[in-house]
Amino acid sequence: MLFEIFVTVPSLVMAEIAWFVRFAVALTCLLVLFAGAIGAVGLRWRREPAQGRPVRNRGAEASV
């Protein structure tokens, strides 16, 4: 009885807590990857119009 109280029950509780910790770590990794993807898309989207703009004619400079 004492062995079960002092060894088995804490072992089961620690195993249950370990699953919560694993789930929290996996969720944190997914959130970090998602935030990184949003940041990369945002940077790409912000820089894209600058690369695709047509060059304006500047009068005499353009005809040279």
PDB file of N, CA and C in Angstrom:
ATOM      1  N   MET A   1       0.820  -1.197   0.000  1.00  0.00           N
ATOM      2  CA  MET A   1       0.000   0.000   0.000  1.00  0.00           C
ATOM      3  C   MET A   1       0.867   1.265   0.000  1.00  0.00           C
ATOM      4  N   LEU A   2       1.855   1.310   0.892  1.00  0.00           N
ATOM      5  CA  LEU A   2       2.719   2.486   0.928  1.00  0.00           C
ATOM      6  C   LEU A   2       3.551   2.606  -0.345  1.00  0.00           C
ATOM      7  N   PHE A   3       4.003   1.461  -0.862  1.00  0.00           N
ATOM      8  CA  PHE A   3       4.767   1.489  -2.115  1.00  0.00           C
ATOM      9  C   PHE A   3       3.919   2.090  -3.234  1.00  0.00           C
ATOM     10  N   GLU A   4       2.666   1.705  -3.292  1.00  0.00           N
ATOM     11  CA  GLU A   4       1.770   2.225  -4.325  1.00  0.00           C
ATOM     12  C   GLU A   4       1.551   3.731  -4.157  1.00  0.00           C
ATOM     13  N   ILE A   5       1.426   4.187  -2.941  1.00  0.00           N
ATOM     14  CA  ILE A   5       1.193   5.614  -2.691  1.00  0.00           C
ATOM     15  C   ILE A   5       2.436   6.432  -3.016  1.00  0.00           C
ATOM     16  N   PHE A   6       3.601   5.954  -2.609  1.00  0.00           N
ATOM     17  CA  PHE A   6       4.819   6.751  -2.752  1.00  0.00           C
ATOM     18  C   PHE A   6       5.555   6.561  -4.083  1.00  0.00           C
ATOM     19  N   VAL A   7       5.285   5.486  -4.815  1.00  0.00           N
ATOM     20  CA  VAL A   7       6.024   5.217  -6.050  1.00  0.00           C
ATOM     21  C   VAL A   7       5.106   5.224  -7.274  1.00  0.00           C
ATOM     22  N   THR A   8       4.059   4.445  -7.244  1.00  0.00           N
ATOM     23  CA  THR A   8       3.223   4.277  -8.432  1.00  0.00           C
ATOM     24  C   THR A   8       2.410   5.528  -8.743  1.00  0.00           C
ATOM     25  N   VAL A   9       1.765   6.105  -7.763  1.00  0.00           N
ATOM     26  CA  VAL A   9       0.918   7.285  -7.998  1.00  0.00           C
ATOM     27  C   VAL A   9       1.750   8.473  -8.486  1.00  0.00           C
ATOM     28  N   PRO A  10       2.865   8.824  -7.849  1.00  0.00           N
ATOM     29  CA  PRO A  10       3.672   9.926  -8.390  1.00  0.00           C
ATOM     30  C   PRO A  10       4.201   9.639  -9.788  1.00  0.00           C
ATOM     31  N   SER A  11       4.510   8.372 -10.067  1.00  0.00           N
ATOM     32  CA  SER A  11       4.982   8.018 -11.398  1.00  0.00           C
ATOM     33  C   SER A  11       3.895   8.261 -12.441  1.00  0.00           C
ATOM     34  N   LEU A  12       2.676   7.912 -12.139  1.00  0.00           N
ATOM     35  CA  LEU A  12       1.561   8.156 -13.058  1.00  0.00           C
ATOM     36  C   LEU A  12       1.315   9.649 -13.243  1.00  0.00           C
ATOM     37  N   VAL A  13       1.419  10.394 -12.155  1.00  0.00           N
ATOM     38  CA  VAL A  13       1.218  11.845 -12.236  1.00  0.00           C
ATOM     39  C   VAL A  13       2.312  12.485 -13.081  1.00  0.00           C
ATOM     40  N   MET A  14       3.554  12.060 -12.898  1.00  0.00           N
ATOM     41  CA  MET A  14       4.656  12.611 -13.692  1.00  0.00           C
ATOM     42  C   MET A  14       4.499  12.261 -15.168  1.00  0.00           C
ATOM     43  N   ALA A  15       4.027  11.050 -15.458  1.00  0.00           N
ATOM     44  CA  ALA A  15       3.810  10.660 -16.847  1.00  0.00           C
ATOM     45  C   ALA A  15       2.715  11.519 -17.475  1.00  0.00           C
ATOM     46  N   GLU A  16       1.683  11.811 -16.724  1.00  0.00           N
ATOM     47  CA  GLU A  16       0.600  12.657 -17.236  1.00  0.00           C
ATOM     48  C   GLU A  16       1.085  14.087 -17.463  1.00  0.00           C
ATOM     49  N   ILE A  17       1.874  14.601 -16.548  1.00  0.00           N
ATOM     50  CA  ILE A  17       2.429  15.950 -16.708  1.00  0.00           C
ATOM     51  C   ILE A  17       3.370  15.998 -17.909  1.00  0.00           C
ATOM     52  N   ALA A  18       4.116  14.926 -18.143  1.00  0.00           N
ATOM     53  CA  ALA A  18       5.036  14.883 -19.281  1.00  0.00           C
ATOM     54  C   ALA A  18       4.284  15.029 -20.597  1.00  0.00           C
ATOM     55  N   TRP A  19       3.093  14.444 -20.707  1.00  0.00           N
ATOM     56  CA  TRP A  19       2.311  14.611 -21.936  1.00  0.00           C
ATOM     57  C   TRP A  19       1.896  16.057 -22.134  1.00  0.00           C
ATOM     58  N   PHE A  20       1.520  16.730 -21.052  1.00  0.00           N
ATOM     59  CA  PHE A  20       1.155  18.142 -21.165  1.00  0.00           C
ATOM     60  C   PHE A  20       2.353  18.987 -21.591  1.00  0.00           C
ATOM     61  N   VAL A  21       3.519  18.670 -21.057  1.00  0.00           N
ATOM     62  CA  VAL A  21       4.734  19.411 -21.419  1.00  0.00           C
ATOM     63  C   VAL A  21       5.075  19.175 -22.887  1.00  0.00           C
ATOM     64  N   ARG A  22       4.984  17.934 -23.344  1.00  0.00           N
ATOM     65  CA  ARG A  22       5.253  17.644 -24.761  1.00  0.00           C
ATOM     66  C   ARG A  22       4.282  18.379 -25.671  1.00  0.00           C
ATOM     67  N   PHE A  23       3.023  18.373 -25.301  1.00  0.00           N
ATOM     68  CA  PHE A  23       2.017  19.075 -26.104  1.00  0.00           C
ATOM     69  C   PHE A  23       2.303  20.571 -26.132  1.00  0.00           C
ATOM     70  N   ALA A  24       2.680  21.147 -24.996  1.00  0.00           N
ATOM     71  CA  ALA A  24       2.987  22.578 -24.937  1.00  0.00           C
ATOM     72  C   ALA A  24       4.209  22.914 -25.790  1.00  0.00           C
ATOM     73  N   VAL A  25       5.221  22.066 -25.768  1.00  0.00           N
ATOM     74  CA  VAL A  25       6.418  22.305 -26.584  1.00  0.00           C
ATOM     75  C   VAL A  25       6.075  22.219 -28.066  1.00  0.00           C
ATOM     76  N   ALA A  26       5.298  21.219 -28.453  1.00  0.00           N
ATOM     77  CA  ALA A  26       4.908  21.080 -29.864  1.00  0.00           C
ATOM     78  C   ALA A  26       4.068  22.267 -30.314  1.00  0.00           C
ATOM     79  N   LEU A  27       3.147  22.712 -29.480  1.00  0.00           N
ATOM     80  CA  LEU A  27       2.309  23.860 -29.821  1.00  0.00           C
ATOM     81  C   LEU A  27       3.143  25.128 -29.932  1.00  0.00           C
ATOM     82  N   THR A  28       4.110  25.297 -29.055  1.00  0.00           N
ATOM     83  CA  THR A  28       4.995  26.460 -29.120  1.00  0.00           C
ATOM     84  C   THR A  28       5.817  26.452 -30.403  1.00  0.00           C
ATOM     85  N   CYS A  29       6.329  25.295 -30.783  1.00  0.00           N
ATOM     86  CA  CYS A  29       7.095  25.203 -32.040  1.00  0.00           C
ATOM     87  C   CYS A  29       6.224  25.557 -33.235  1.00  0.00           C
ATOM     88  N   LEU A  30       4.999  25.066 -33.257  1.00  0.00           N
ATOM     89  CA  LEU A  30       4.099  25.390 -34.365  1.00  0.00           C
ATOM     90  C   LEU A  30       3.782  26.878 -34.412  1.00  0.00           C
ATOM     91  N   LEU A  31       3.585  27.486 -33.257  1.00  0.00           N
ATOM     92  CA  LEU A  31       3.299  28.920 -33.226  1.00  0.00           C
ATOM     93  C   LEU A  31       4.490  29.737 -33.717  1.00  0.00           C
ATOM     94  N   VAL A  32       5.695  29.333 -33.334  1.00  0.00           N
ATOM     95  CA  VAL A  32       6.894  30.044 -33.789  1.00  0.00           C
ATOM     96  C   VAL A  32       7.061  29.892 -35.298  1.00  0.00           C
ATOM     97  N   LEU A  33       6.841  28.693 -35.824  1.00  0.00           N
ATOM     98  CA  LEU A  33       6.929  28.490 -37.271  1.00  0.00           C
ATOM     99  C   LEU A  33       5.872  29.302 -38.009  1.00  0.00           C
ATOM    100  N   PHE A  34       4.665  29.352 -37.470  1.00  0.00           N
ATOM    101  CA  PHE A  34       3.584  30.117 -38.087  1.00  0.00           C
ATOM    102  C   PHE A  34       3.917  31.605 -38.089  1.00  0.00           C
ATOM    103  N   ALA A  35       4.438  32.110 -36.974  1.00  0.00           N
ATOM    104  CA  ALA A  35       4.818  33.525 -36.910  1.00  0.00           C
ATOM    105  C   ALA A  35       5.953  33.829 -37.880  1.00  0.00           C
ATOM    106  N   GLY A  36       6.911  32.928 -37.997  1.00  0.00           N
ATOM    107  CA  GLY A  36       8.000  33.123 -38.957  1.00  0.00           C
ATOM    108  C   GLY A  36       7.500  33.137 -40.386  1.00  0.00           C
ATOM    109  N   ALA A  37       6.558  32.261 -40.696  1.00  0.00           N
ATOM    110  CA  ALA A  37       5.992  32.234 -42.050  1.00  0.00           C
ATOM    111  C   ALA A  37       5.230  33.519 -42.347  1.00  0.00           C
ATOM    112  N   ILE A  38       4.472  34.013 -41.386  1.00  0.00           N
ATOM    113  CA  ILE A  38       3.747  35.275 -41.581  1.00  0.00           C
ATOM    114  C   ILE A  38       4.732  36.417 -41.782  1.00  0.00           C
ATOM    115  N   GLY A  39       5.802  36.443 -41.009  1.00  0.00           N
ATOM    116  CA  GLY A  39       6.813  37.488 -41.176  1.00  0.00           C
ATOM    117  C   GLY A  39       7.486  37.427 -42.532  1.00  0.00           C
ATOM    118  N   ALA A  40       7.810  36.220 -42.996  1.00  0.00           N
ATOM    119  CA  ALA A  40       8.452  36.077 -44.307  1.00  0.00           C
ATOM    120  C   ALA A  40       7.519  36.518 -45.426  1.00  0.00           C
ATOM    121  N   VAL A  41       6.255  36.140 -45.336  1.00  0.00           N
ATOM    122  CA  VAL A  41       5.286  36.559 -46.354  1.00  0.00           C
ATOM    123  C   VAL A  41       5.089  38.065 -46.302  1.00  0.00           C
ATOM    124  N   GLY A  42       5.051  38.629 -45.103  1.00  0.00           N
ATOM    125  CA  GLY A  42       4.896  40.078 -44.977  1.00  0.00           C
ATOM    126  C   GLY A  42       6.060  40.843 -45.575  1.00  0.00           C
ATOM    127  N   LEU A  43       7.272  40.382 -45.318  1.00  0.00           N
ATOM    128  CA  LEU A  43       8.443  41.046 -45.908  1.00  0.00           C
ATOM    129  C   LEU A  43       8.442  40.913 -47.418  1.00  0.00           C
ATOM    130  N   ARG A  44       8.106  39.737 -47.905  1.00  0.00           N
ATOM    131  CA  ARG A  44       8.069  39.519 -49.357  1.00  0.00           C
ATOM    132  C   ARG A  44       6.993  40.399 -50.002  1.00  0.00           C
ATOM    133  N   TRP A  45       5.850  40.496 -49.351  1.00  0.00           N
ATOM    134  CA  TRP A  45       4.732  41.266 -49.895  1.00  0.00           C
ATOM    135  C   TRP A  45       5.051  42.761 -49.887  1.00  0.00           C
ATOM    136  N   ARG A  46       5.780  43.210 -48.859  1.00  0.00           N
ATOM    137  CA  ARG A  46       6.133  44.624 -48.785  1.00  0.00           C
ATOM    138  C   ARG A  46       7.178  44.986 -49.840  1.00  0.00           C
ATOM    139  N   ARG A  47       8.108  44.101 -50.128  1.00  0.00           N
ATOM    140  CA  ARG A  47       9.181  44.392 -51.090  1.00  0.00           C
ATOM    141  C   ARG A  47       8.761  44.145 -52.535  1.00  0.00           C
ATOM    142  N   GLU A  48       7.748  43.360 -52.761  1.00  0.00           N
ATOM    143  CA  GLU A  48       7.335  43.000 -54.117  1.00  0.00           C
ATOM    144  C   GLU A  48       6.925  44.204 -54.963  1.00  0.00           C
ATOM    145  N   PRO A  49       6.109  45.139 -54.481  1.00  0.00           N
ATOM    146  CA  PRO A  49       5.740  46.281 -55.330  1.00  0.00           C
ATOM    147  C   PRO A  49       6.943  47.132 -55.734  1.00  0.00           C
ATOM    148  N   ALA A  50       7.953  47.227 -54.887  1.00  0.00           N
ATOM    149  CA  ALA A  50       9.131  48.028 -55.219  1.00  0.00           C
ATOM    150  C   ALA A  50       9.903  47.388 -56.372  1.00  0.00           C
ATOM    151  N   GLN A  51       9.888  46.082 -56.469  1.00  0.00           N
ATOM    152  CA  GLN A  51      10.610  45.405 -57.540  1.00  0.00           C
ATOM    153  C   GLN A  51       9.828  45.425 -58.849  1.00  0.00           C
ATOM    154  N   GLY A  52       8.514  45.471 -58.770  1.00  0.00           N
ATOM    155  CA  GLY A  52       7.707  45.378 -59.971  1.00  0.00           C
ATOM    156  C   GLY A  52       7.278  46.706 -60.557  1.00  0.00           C
ATOM    157  N   ARG A  53       7.666  47.825 -59.953  1.00  0.00           N
ATOM    158  CA  ARG A  53       7.257  49.139 -60.456  1.00  0.00           C
ATOM    159  C   ARG A  53       7.924  49.463 -61.782  1.00  0.00           C
ATOM    160  N   PRO A  54       7.157  49.980 -62.732  1.00  0.00           N
ATOM    161  CA  PRO A  54       7.795  50.407 -63.984  1.00  0.00           C
ATOM    162  C   PRO A  54       8.611  51.678 -63.773  1.00  0.00           C
ATOM    163  N   VAL A  55       9.684  51.802 -64.511  1.00  0.00           N
ATOM    164  CA  VAL A  55      10.541  52.984 -64.412  1.00  0.00           C
ATOM    165  C   VAL A  55       9.873  54.115 -65.176  1.00  0.00           C
ATOM    166  N   ARG A  56       9.761  55.267 -64.540  1.00  0.00           N
ATOM    167  CA  ARG A  56       9.125  56.418 -65.194  1.00  0.00           C
ATOM    168  C   ARG A  56      10.106  57.106 -66.132  1.00  0.00           C
ATOM    169  N   ASN A  57       9.581  57.622 -67.212  1.00  0.00           N
ATOM    170  CA  ASN A  57      10.409  58.419 -68.119  1.00  0.00           C
ATOM    171  C   ASN A  57      10.722  59.749 -67.457  1.00  0.00           C
ATOM    172  N   ARG A  58      11.964  60.155 -67.563  1.00  0.00           N
ATOM    173  CA  ARG A  58      12.378  61.410 -66.931  1.00  0.00           C
ATOM    174  C   ARG A  58      12.754  62.446 -67.987  1.00  0.00           C
ATOM    175  N   GLY A  59      12.030  62.488 -69.020  1.00  0.00           N
ATOM    176  CA  GLY A  59      12.296  63.507 -70.028  1.00  0.00           C
ATOM    177  C   GLY A  59      13.540  63.205 -70.823  1.00  0.00           C
ATOM    178  N   ALA A  60      14.516  64.107 -70.779  1.00  0.00           N
ATOM    179  CA  ALA A  60      15.730  63.995 -71.589  1.00  0.00           C
ATOM    180  C   ALA A  60      16.606  62.825 -71.139  1.00  0.00           C
ATOM    181  N   GLU A  61      16.583  62.481 -69.834  1.00  0.00           N
ATOM    182  CA  GLU A  61      17.413  61.390 -69.342  1.00  0.00           C
ATOM    183  C   GLU A  61      16.972  60.049 -69.917  1.00  0.00           C
ATOM    184  N   ALA A  62      15.679  59.883 -70.131  1.00  0.00           N
ATOM    185  CA  ALA A  62      15.171  58.600 -70.606  1.00  0.00           C
ATOM    186  C   ALA A  62      15.519  58.356 -72.065  1.00  0.00           C
ATOM    187  N   SER A  63      15.660  59.401 -72.854  1.00  0.00           N
ATOM    188  CA  SER A  63      15.912  59.212 -74.277  1.00  0.00           C
ATOM    189  C   SER A  63      17.379  58.947 -74.591  1.00  0.00           C
ATOM    190  N   VAL A  64      18.263  59.087 -73.617  1.00  0.00           N
ATOM    191  CA  VAL A  64      19.695  58.906 -73.870  1.00  0.00           C
ATOM    192  C   VAL A  64      20.057  57.471 -74.001  1.00  0.00           C
TER     193      VAL A  64
END
